[in-house]
Amino acid sequence: MKRKILKAIGGVSLTILVAVFAQFWVSAQEKAGNDPSLVGSWDAKITGRDCETGAPAPFSFPALLTYAQGGTMQETDLGGPGLVRLPGHGVWERQSGRQYSAAFRFLNFNFDRTFAGTNVIRSAISLSHSGNEYTSADTLEVLDANGNLIFRACSTQTATRFR
């Protein structure tokens, strides 16, 4: 009888010890993952650039971007003249340290609601040390309704975390 009680006490003690150790291990993992990341919503200013020289184009516009945990994202801006567009949807990932890549696509429609094509934007993002600003170099591909490339353009982004 005493042996059964000692085994039961030993089993309960071992279970408690494992549970306590697991708590510390998970807590240490969470602290290691507290580096700033893109997760969150951002107010961005997009500035067109000459792809060859990097010189700014005569236009810039605001955009809103949201990076979700797990690597998906959404983007919204007014779009170009003469088209109606839907919000952009895409993916992002950490490359190394504070360097990220992102890509998203949105659909364009003519005013008569016919499909005009898609735009695909790819970004190389550098997150600041504070984690509250980033800059990026972007490329844009404009595709017609059949998926044919119409033209490429370049831009840069400066963004601040929405709070």
N, C-alpha and C. Protein backbone atom coordinates (compact mmCIF):
# COMPACT_ATOMS: atom_id res chain seq x y z
N MET A 1 0.82 -1.19 0.00
CA MET A 1 0.00 0.00 0.00
C MET A 1 0.86 1.26 0.00
N LYS A 2 1.92 1.24 0.87
CA LYS A 2 2.81 2.39 0.92
C LYS A 2 3.50 2.60 -0.42
N ARG A 3 3.82 1.49 -1.06
CA ARG A 3 4.50 1.57 -2.36
C ARG A 3 3.60 2.26 -3.39
N LYS A 4 2.31 1.93 -3.41
CA LYS A 4 1.37 2.55 -4.34
C LYS A 4 1.25 4.05 -4.07
N ILE A 5 1.21 4.43 -2.82
CA ILE A 5 1.10 5.85 -2.46
C ILE A 5 2.36 6.58 -2.90
N LEU A 6 3.56 5.98 -2.66
CA LEU A 6 4.80 6.62 -3.07
C LEU A 6 4.88 6.77 -4.59
N LYS A 7 4.42 5.74 -5.33
CA LYS A 7 4.40 5.83 -6.80
C LYS A 7 3.46 6.95 -7.25
N ALA A 8 2.31 7.05 -6.61
CA ALA A 8 1.35 8.09 -6.98
C ALA A 8 1.93 9.48 -6.71
N ILE A 9 2.56 9.64 -5.54
CA ILE A 9 3.18 10.93 -5.19
C ILE A 9 4.30 11.24 -6.18
N GLY A 10 5.10 10.26 -6.50
CA GLY A 10 6.19 10.46 -7.46
C GLY A 10 5.65 10.84 -8.84
N GLY A 11 4.59 10.20 -9.28
CA GLY A 11 3.98 10.51 -10.58
C GLY A 11 3.42 11.92 -10.61
N VAL A 12 2.73 12.32 -9.54
CA VAL A 12 2.18 13.67 -9.46
C VAL A 12 3.32 14.69 -9.43
N SER A 13 4.37 14.41 -8.66
CA SER A 13 5.51 15.33 -8.59
C SER A 13 6.17 15.50 -9.96
N LEU A 14 6.33 14.40 -10.67
CA LEU A 14 6.92 14.45 -12.00
C LEU A 14 6.04 15.27 -12.95
N THR A 15 4.74 15.07 -12.89
CA THR A 15 3.80 15.82 -13.73
C THR A 15 3.89 17.31 -13.45
N ILE A 16 3.95 17.67 -12.17
CA ILE A 16 4.06 19.08 -11.79
C ILE A 16 5.39 19.65 -12.28
N LEU A 17 6.47 18.91 -12.12
CA LEU A 17 7.78 19.36 -12.56
C LEU A 17 7.80 19.59 -14.08
N VAL A 18 7.23 18.68 -14.85
CA VAL A 18 7.17 18.83 -16.30
C VAL A 18 6.34 20.06 -16.68
N ALA A 19 5.21 20.25 -16.00
CA ALA A 19 4.34 21.40 -16.30
C ALA A 19 5.06 22.71 -16.01
N VAL A 20 5.78 22.78 -14.89
CA VAL A 20 6.52 24.01 -14.54
C VAL A 20 7.64 24.25 -15.56
N PHE A 21 8.39 23.21 -15.92
CA PHE A 21 9.45 23.36 -16.89
C PHE A 21 8.90 23.82 -18.24
N ALA A 22 7.77 23.26 -18.66
CA ALA A 22 7.16 23.64 -19.94
C ALA A 22 6.76 25.12 -19.91
N GLN A 23 6.26 25.61 -18.79
CA GLN A 23 5.88 27.03 -18.67
C GLN A 23 7.10 27.93 -18.90
N PHE A 24 8.23 27.60 -18.25
CA PHE A 24 9.44 28.40 -18.41
C PHE A 24 9.95 28.32 -19.85
N TRP A 25 9.89 27.16 -20.46
CA TRP A 25 10.38 26.97 -21.82
C TRP A 25 9.54 27.78 -22.81
N VAL A 26 8.22 27.74 -22.69
CA VAL A 26 7.34 28.51 -23.58
C VAL A 26 7.56 30.00 -23.35
N SER A 27 7.70 30.43 -22.09
CA SER A 27 7.93 31.83 -21.78
C SER A 27 9.22 32.32 -22.41
N ALA A 28 10.28 31.52 -22.37
CA ALA A 28 11.55 31.90 -22.97
C ALA A 28 11.42 32.00 -24.48
N GLN A 29 10.63 31.12 -25.09
CA GLN A 29 10.43 31.20 -26.53
C GLN A 29 9.70 32.48 -26.91
N GLU A 30 8.69 32.87 -26.14
CA GLU A 30 7.93 34.08 -26.43
C GLU A 30 8.83 35.31 -26.35
N LYS A 31 9.71 35.35 -25.35
CA LYS A 31 10.60 36.51 -25.20
C LYS A 31 11.57 36.59 -26.36
N ALA A 32 12.03 35.45 -26.88
CA ALA A 32 12.95 35.46 -28.01
C ALA A 32 12.26 35.98 -29.26
N GLY A 33 10.93 35.86 -29.37
CA GLY A 33 10.20 36.29 -30.55
C GLY A 33 9.66 37.70 -30.46
N ASN A 34 10.12 38.51 -29.51
CA ASN A 34 9.59 39.86 -29.33
C ASN A 34 10.31 40.90 -30.18
N ASP A 35 11.19 40.50 -31.07
CA ASP A 35 11.82 41.47 -31.97
C ASP A 35 10.73 42.16 -32.79
N PRO A 36 10.91 43.44 -33.11
CA PRO A 36 9.92 44.13 -33.94
C PRO A 36 9.75 43.42 -35.28
N SER A 37 8.54 43.41 -35.78
CA SER A 37 8.28 42.83 -37.09
C SER A 37 7.29 43.72 -37.83
N LEU A 38 6.92 43.31 -39.02
CA LEU A 38 5.98 44.07 -39.83
C LEU A 38 4.53 43.92 -39.36
N VAL A 39 4.26 42.96 -38.49
CA VAL A 39 2.87 42.70 -38.10
C VAL A 39 2.24 43.98 -37.57
N GLY A 40 1.12 44.36 -38.17
CA GLY A 40 0.41 45.57 -37.78
C GLY A 40 -0.02 46.36 -39.02
N SER A 41 -0.59 47.53 -38.78
CA SER A 41 -1.04 48.39 -39.86
C SER A 41 -0.11 49.59 -40.01
N TRP A 42 0.05 50.05 -41.25
CA TRP A 42 1.04 51.06 -41.58
C TRP A 42 0.44 52.13 -42.48
N ASP A 43 0.79 53.39 -42.18
CA ASP A 43 0.49 54.53 -43.06
C ASP A 43 1.72 54.71 -43.94
N ALA A 44 1.52 54.63 -45.25
CA ALA A 44 2.66 54.69 -46.17
C ALA A 44 2.50 55.83 -47.16
N LYS A 45 3.64 56.33 -47.62
CA LYS A 45 3.67 57.29 -48.72
C LYS A 45 4.48 56.63 -49.84
N ILE A 46 3.86 56.50 -51.00
CA ILE A 46 4.48 55.88 -52.15
C ILE A 46 4.98 57.00 -53.07
N THR A 47 6.23 56.91 -53.48
CA THR A 47 6.80 57.89 -54.41
C THR A 47 7.29 57.15 -55.64
N GLY A 48 6.76 57.52 -56.82
CA GLY A 48 7.21 56.92 -58.06
C GLY A 48 8.67 57.25 -58.32
N ARG A 49 9.39 56.34 -58.95
CA ARG A 49 10.81 56.52 -59.25
C ARG A 49 11.09 56.07 -60.67
N ASP A 50 12.08 56.69 -61.29
CA ASP A 50 12.60 56.21 -62.55
C ASP A 50 13.38 54.93 -62.25
N CYS A 51 13.01 53.83 -62.89
CA CYS A 51 13.64 52.54 -62.59
C CYS A 51 15.13 52.53 -62.91
N GLU A 52 15.56 53.30 -63.90
CA GLU A 52 16.97 53.31 -64.30
C GLU A 52 17.82 54.17 -63.38
N THR A 53 17.35 55.39 -63.10
CA THR A 53 18.17 56.36 -62.36
C THR A 53 17.80 56.47 -60.88
N GLY A 54 16.58 56.06 -60.52
CA GLY A 54 16.11 56.22 -59.15
C GLY A 54 15.57 57.60 -58.86
N ALA A 55 15.59 58.49 -59.86
CA ALA A 55 15.08 59.86 -59.67
C ALA A 55 13.58 59.82 -59.39
N PRO A 56 13.10 60.66 -58.47
CA PRO A 56 11.67 60.65 -58.15
C PRO A 56 10.82 61.09 -59.34
N ALA A 57 9.68 60.44 -59.51
CA ALA A 57 8.70 60.83 -60.52
C ALA A 57 7.85 61.95 -59.92
N PRO A 58 7.10 62.65 -60.74
CA PRO A 58 6.34 63.79 -60.23
C PRO A 58 5.04 63.40 -59.52
N PHE A 59 4.99 62.23 -58.91
CA PHE A 59 3.78 61.86 -58.18
C PHE A 59 4.12 61.06 -56.93
N SER A 60 3.28 61.22 -55.94
CA SER A 60 3.32 60.39 -54.74
C SER A 60 1.90 60.31 -54.21
N PHE A 61 1.62 59.30 -53.43
CA PHE A 61 0.27 59.10 -52.91
C PHE A 61 0.32 58.28 -51.63
N PRO A 62 -0.72 58.40 -50.80
CA PRO A 62 -0.76 57.62 -49.56
C PRO A 62 -1.35 56.22 -49.80
N ALA A 63 -1.01 55.32 -48.91
CA ALA A 63 -1.56 53.95 -48.94
C ALA A 63 -1.64 53.43 -47.51
N LEU A 64 -2.47 52.45 -47.30
CA LEU A 64 -2.57 51.74 -46.02
C LEU A 64 -2.21 50.29 -46.27
N LEU A 65 -1.31 49.75 -45.43
CA LEU A 65 -0.91 48.36 -45.56
C LEU A 65 -1.05 47.68 -44.20
N THR A 66 -1.51 46.45 -44.21
CA THR A 66 -1.63 45.66 -42.98
C THR A 66 -0.95 44.33 -43.20
N TYR A 67 0.02 44.02 -42.33
CA TYR A 67 0.76 42.76 -42.37
C TYR A 67 0.25 41.90 -41.22
N ALA A 68 -0.27 40.73 -41.54
CA ALA A 68 -0.84 39.84 -40.53
C ALA A 68 0.19 38.80 -40.10
N GLN A 69 0.06 38.37 -38.86
CA GLN A 69 0.91 37.29 -38.37
C GLN A 69 0.63 36.07 -39.22
N GLY A 70 1.66 35.38 -39.63
CA GLY A 70 1.50 34.22 -40.49
C GLY A 70 1.88 34.49 -41.93
N GLY A 71 2.08 35.78 -42.30
CA GLY A 71 2.64 36.07 -43.61
C GLY A 71 1.68 36.55 -44.68
N THR A 72 0.46 36.94 -44.33
CA THR A 72 -0.42 37.52 -45.34
C THR A 72 -0.50 39.03 -45.13
N MET A 73 -0.99 39.74 -46.15
CA MET A 73 -1.07 41.19 -46.06
C MET A 73 -2.21 41.71 -46.91
N GLN A 74 -2.62 42.96 -46.61
CA GLN A 74 -3.60 43.68 -47.42
C GLN A 74 -3.10 45.09 -47.63
N GLU A 75 -3.49 45.69 -48.77
CA GLU A 75 -3.06 47.03 -49.14
C GLU A 75 -4.23 47.76 -49.76
N THR A 76 -4.33 49.06 -49.49
CA THR A 76 -5.37 49.88 -50.09
C THR A 76 -4.79 51.24 -50.43
N ASP A 77 -5.08 51.70 -51.65
CA ASP A 77 -4.79 53.09 -52.03
C ASP A 77 -5.79 53.47 -53.12
N LEU A 78 -5.74 54.70 -53.54
CA LEU A 78 -6.72 55.21 -54.49
C LEU A 78 -6.59 54.59 -55.87
N GLY A 79 -5.39 54.24 -56.29
CA GLY A 79 -5.20 53.69 -57.63
C GLY A 79 -4.99 54.78 -58.65
N GLY A 80 -4.73 54.35 -59.88
CA GLY A 80 -4.45 55.29 -60.95
C GLY A 80 -5.70 55.89 -61.57
N PRO A 81 -5.54 56.94 -62.35
CA PRO A 81 -6.69 57.59 -62.99
C PRO A 81 -7.31 56.69 -64.05
N GLY A 82 -8.63 56.75 -64.18
CA GLY A 82 -9.33 56.02 -65.23
C GLY A 82 -9.67 54.59 -64.90
N LEU A 83 -9.32 54.11 -63.72
CA LEU A 83 -9.62 52.73 -63.33
C LEU A 83 -10.27 52.69 -61.97
N VAL A 84 -10.99 51.63 -61.74
CA VAL A 84 -11.50 51.32 -60.41
C VAL A 84 -10.73 50.09 -59.97
N ARG A 85 -10.23 50.08 -58.75
CA ARG A 85 -9.44 48.94 -58.30
C ARG A 85 -9.93 48.42 -56.96
N LEU A 86 -9.63 47.18 -56.70
CA LEU A 86 -9.95 46.54 -55.43
C LEU A 86 -8.72 46.58 -54.53
N PRO A 87 -8.89 46.37 -53.23
CA PRO A 87 -7.72 46.32 -52.33
C PRO A 87 -6.76 45.21 -52.74
N GLY A 88 -5.48 45.41 -52.45
CA GLY A 88 -4.47 44.41 -52.76
C GLY A 88 -4.39 43.35 -51.67
N HIS A 89 -4.09 42.14 -52.10
CA HIS A 89 -3.89 41.01 -51.18
C HIS A 89 -2.57 40.35 -51.53
N GLY A 90 -1.82 39.92 -50.50
CA GLY A 90 -0.53 39.32 -50.79
C GLY A 90 0.09 38.62 -49.61
N VAL A 91 1.39 38.45 -49.71
CA VAL A 91 2.18 37.71 -48.72
C VAL A 91 3.45 38.48 -48.39
N TRP A 92 4.02 38.18 -47.23
CA TRP A 92 5.29 38.78 -46.81
C TRP A 92 6.07 37.76 -46.01
N GLU A 93 7.39 37.96 -45.94
CA GLU A 93 8.23 37.10 -45.11
C GLU A 93 9.51 37.82 -44.72
N ARG A 94 10.04 37.43 -43.57
CA ARG A 94 11.32 37.97 -43.11
C ARG A 94 12.42 37.28 -43.92
N GLN A 95 13.34 38.09 -44.44
CA GLN A 95 14.49 37.54 -45.17
C GLN A 95 15.62 37.26 -44.18
N SER A 96 15.99 38.27 -43.40
CA SER A 96 16.98 38.12 -42.33
C SER A 96 16.98 39.42 -41.53
N GLY A 97 17.17 39.30 -40.24
CA GLY A 97 17.21 40.48 -39.38
C GLY A 97 15.98 41.35 -39.56
N ARG A 98 16.19 42.58 -39.99
CA ARG A 98 15.09 43.53 -40.20
C ARG A 98 14.76 43.72 -41.68
N GLN A 99 15.16 42.77 -42.49
CA GLN A 99 14.90 42.81 -43.94
C GLN A 99 13.75 41.86 -44.27
N TYR A 100 12.80 42.36 -45.06
CA TYR A 100 11.60 41.60 -45.42
C TYR A 100 11.35 41.70 -46.92
N SER A 101 10.57 40.77 -47.42
CA SER A 101 10.07 40.89 -48.79
C SER A 101 8.55 40.76 -48.72
N ALA A 102 7.89 41.43 -49.65
CA ALA A 102 6.43 41.37 -49.72
C ALA A 102 6.03 41.42 -51.18
N ALA A 103 4.89 40.83 -51.48
CA ALA A 103 4.32 40.91 -52.82
C ALA A 103 2.81 40.89 -52.67
N PHE A 104 2.15 41.76 -53.43
CA PHE A 104 0.69 41.73 -53.43
C PHE A 104 0.17 42.07 -54.81
N ARG A 105 -1.10 41.77 -55.01
CA ARG A 105 -1.74 41.98 -56.30
C ARG A 105 -3.10 42.58 -56.08
N PHE A 106 -3.52 43.43 -57.01
CA PHE A 106 -4.89 43.92 -56.98
C PHE A 106 -5.47 43.90 -58.38
N LEU A 107 -6.79 43.87 -58.45
CA LEU A 107 -7.52 43.80 -59.70
C LEU A 107 -7.97 45.19 -60.13
N ASN A 108 -7.88 45.47 -61.43
CA ASN A 108 -8.33 46.73 -62.00
C ASN A 108 -9.57 46.49 -62.86
N PHE A 109 -10.47 47.45 -62.83
CA PHE A 109 -11.69 47.38 -63.64
C PHE A 109 -11.90 48.71 -64.34
N ASN A 110 -12.47 48.65 -65.54
CA ASN A 110 -12.89 49.85 -66.25
C ASN A 110 -14.15 50.38 -65.58
N PHE A 111 -14.52 51.62 -65.89
CA PHE A 111 -15.72 52.20 -65.28
C PHE A 111 -16.98 51.42 -65.63
N ASP A 112 -16.98 50.70 -66.76
CA ASP A 112 -18.16 49.91 -67.12
C ASP A 112 -18.16 48.53 -66.44
N ARG A 113 -17.25 48.35 -65.47
CA ARG A 113 -17.14 47.15 -64.65
C ARG A 113 -16.51 45.96 -65.37
N THR A 114 -15.93 46.17 -66.55
CA THR A 114 -15.22 45.09 -67.22
C THR A 114 -13.81 44.99 -66.64
N PHE A 115 -13.32 43.77 -66.58
CA PHE A 115 -12.00 43.50 -66.01
C PHE A 115 -10.92 44.10 -66.91
N ALA A 116 -10.03 44.90 -66.34
CA ALA A 116 -8.97 45.56 -67.10
C ALA A 116 -7.61 44.88 -66.92
N GLY A 117 -7.41 44.14 -65.85
CA GLY A 117 -6.13 43.48 -65.60
C GLY A 117 -5.73 43.54 -64.15
N THR A 118 -4.47 43.24 -63.88
CA THR A 118 -3.97 43.22 -62.51
C THR A 118 -2.68 44.02 -62.41
N ASN A 119 -2.37 44.44 -61.21
CA ASN A 119 -1.08 45.02 -60.87
C ASN A 119 -0.44 44.13 -59.83
N VAL A 120 0.85 43.86 -59.99
CA VAL A 120 1.61 43.07 -59.02
C VAL A 120 2.75 43.94 -58.52
N ILE A 121 2.83 44.11 -57.20
CA ILE A 121 3.88 44.92 -56.59
C ILE A 121 4.75 44.02 -55.73
N ARG A 122 6.06 44.15 -55.90
CA ARG A 122 7.03 43.40 -55.09
C ARG A 122 7.92 44.40 -54.36
N SER A 123 8.10 44.17 -53.06
CA SER A 123 8.82 45.13 -52.22
C SER A 123 9.97 44.47 -51.48
N ALA A 124 11.08 45.20 -51.37
CA ALA A 124 12.20 44.84 -50.49
C ALA A 124 12.16 45.87 -49.36
N ILE A 125 11.84 45.40 -48.14
CA ILE A 125 11.53 46.28 -47.02
C ILE A 125 12.64 46.24 -45.98
N SER A 126 13.00 47.43 -45.47
CA SER A 126 13.96 47.55 -44.36
C SER A 126 13.24 48.18 -43.17
N LEU A 127 13.10 47.43 -42.10
CA LEU A 127 12.43 47.90 -40.89
C LEU A 127 13.43 48.64 -40.01
N SER A 128 13.02 49.78 -39.43
CA SER A 128 13.90 50.56 -38.56
C SER A 128 14.18 49.79 -37.27
N HIS A 129 15.19 50.23 -36.51
CA HIS A 129 15.52 49.58 -35.24
C HIS A 129 14.38 49.71 -34.23
N SER A 130 13.64 50.81 -34.27
CA SER A 130 12.52 50.97 -33.34
C SER A 130 11.35 50.06 -33.71
N GLY A 131 11.30 49.64 -34.97
CA GLY A 131 10.18 48.81 -35.43
C GLY A 131 8.95 49.63 -35.76
N ASN A 132 9.06 50.96 -35.77
CA ASN A 132 7.90 51.81 -36.02
C ASN A 132 7.95 52.54 -37.35
N GLU A 133 8.99 52.34 -38.14
CA GLU A 133 9.11 52.92 -39.47
C GLU A 133 9.72 51.87 -40.39
N TYR A 134 9.44 51.99 -41.67
CA TYR A 134 10.17 51.20 -42.65
C TYR A 134 10.28 51.96 -43.96
N THR A 135 11.25 51.55 -44.77
CA THR A 135 11.39 52.04 -46.13
C THR A 135 11.43 50.82 -47.04
N SER A 136 11.05 51.03 -48.29
CA SER A 136 11.12 49.91 -49.23
C SER A 136 11.41 50.40 -50.63
N ALA A 137 11.97 49.51 -51.43
CA ALA A 137 12.14 49.70 -52.86
C ALA A 137 11.17 48.73 -53.52
N ASP A 138 10.34 49.26 -54.45
CA ASP A 138 9.25 48.46 -55.00
C ASP A 138 9.32 48.41 -56.52
N THR A 139 8.84 47.32 -57.08
CA THR A 139 8.63 47.23 -58.52
C THR A 139 7.16 46.89 -58.76
N LEU A 140 6.63 47.46 -59.82
CA LEU A 140 5.24 47.28 -60.19
C LEU A 140 5.18 46.68 -61.59
N GLU A 141 4.38 45.64 -61.76
CA GLU A 141 4.09 45.09 -63.08
C GLU A 141 2.62 45.30 -63.35
N VAL A 142 2.30 45.95 -64.46
CA VAL A 142 0.92 46.16 -64.87
C VAL A 142 0.62 45.14 -65.96
N LEU A 143 -0.39 44.30 -65.72
CA LEU A 143 -0.75 43.23 -66.64
C LEU A 143 -2.15 43.50 -67.21
N ASP A 144 -2.34 43.19 -68.49
CA ASP A 144 -3.66 43.37 -69.08
C ASP A 144 -4.59 42.23 -68.66
N ALA A 145 -5.81 42.24 -69.15
CA ALA A 145 -6.82 41.25 -68.75
C ALA A 145 -6.41 39.82 -69.13
N ASN A 146 -5.50 39.67 -70.09
CA ASN A 146 -5.02 38.34 -70.49
C ASN A 146 -3.73 37.94 -69.79
N GLY A 147 -3.23 38.78 -68.88
CA GLY A 147 -2.01 38.48 -68.15
C GLY A 147 -0.74 38.90 -68.85
N ASN A 148 -0.84 39.65 -69.94
CA ASN A 148 0.33 40.13 -70.66
C ASN A 148 0.89 41.39 -69.98
N LEU A 149 2.22 41.46 -69.88
CA LEU A 149 2.87 42.61 -69.26
C LEU A 149 2.69 43.84 -70.15
N ILE A 150 2.13 44.91 -69.58
CA ILE A 150 1.99 46.17 -70.31
C ILE A 150 3.21 47.04 -70.04
N PHE A 151 3.58 47.21 -68.78
CA PHE A 151 4.79 47.94 -68.44
C PHE A 151 5.20 47.66 -67.00
N ARG A 152 6.45 48.06 -66.69
CA ARG A 152 7.00 47.97 -65.33
C ARG A 152 7.28 49.38 -64.85
N ALA A 153 7.16 49.57 -63.56
CA ALA A 153 7.48 50.86 -62.94
C ALA A 153 8.14 50.60 -61.59
N CYS A 154 8.72 51.64 -61.02
CA CYS A 154 9.41 51.52 -59.73
C CYS A 154 8.91 52.59 -58.78
N SER A 155 9.07 52.33 -57.49
CA SER A 155 8.69 53.32 -56.47
C SER A 155 9.45 53.01 -55.19
N THR A 156 9.35 53.94 -54.25
CA THR A 156 9.83 53.72 -52.89
C THR A 156 8.68 54.00 -51.94
N GLN A 157 8.78 53.42 -50.76
CA GLN A 157 7.78 53.65 -49.71
C GLN A 157 8.48 54.12 -48.46
N THR A 158 7.85 55.03 -47.77
CA THR A 158 8.21 55.32 -46.38
C THR A 158 6.94 55.10 -45.59
N ALA A 159 7.05 54.40 -44.48
CA ALA A 159 5.85 54.03 -43.73
C ALA A 159 6.08 54.19 -42.23
N THR A 160 5.01 54.53 -41.53
CA THR A 160 5.02 54.58 -40.07
C THR A 160 3.91 53.71 -39.54
N ARG A 161 4.20 53.06 -38.43
CA ARG A 161 3.23 52.16 -37.82
C ARG A 161 2.00 52.96 -37.36
N PHE A 162 0.82 52.46 -37.69
CA PHE A 162 -0.43 53.07 -37.24
C PHE A 162 -0.65 52.68 -35.79
N ARG A 163 -0.92 53.66 -34.94
CA ARG A 163 -1.14 53.38 -33.51
C ARG A 163 -2.46 53.92 -33.08
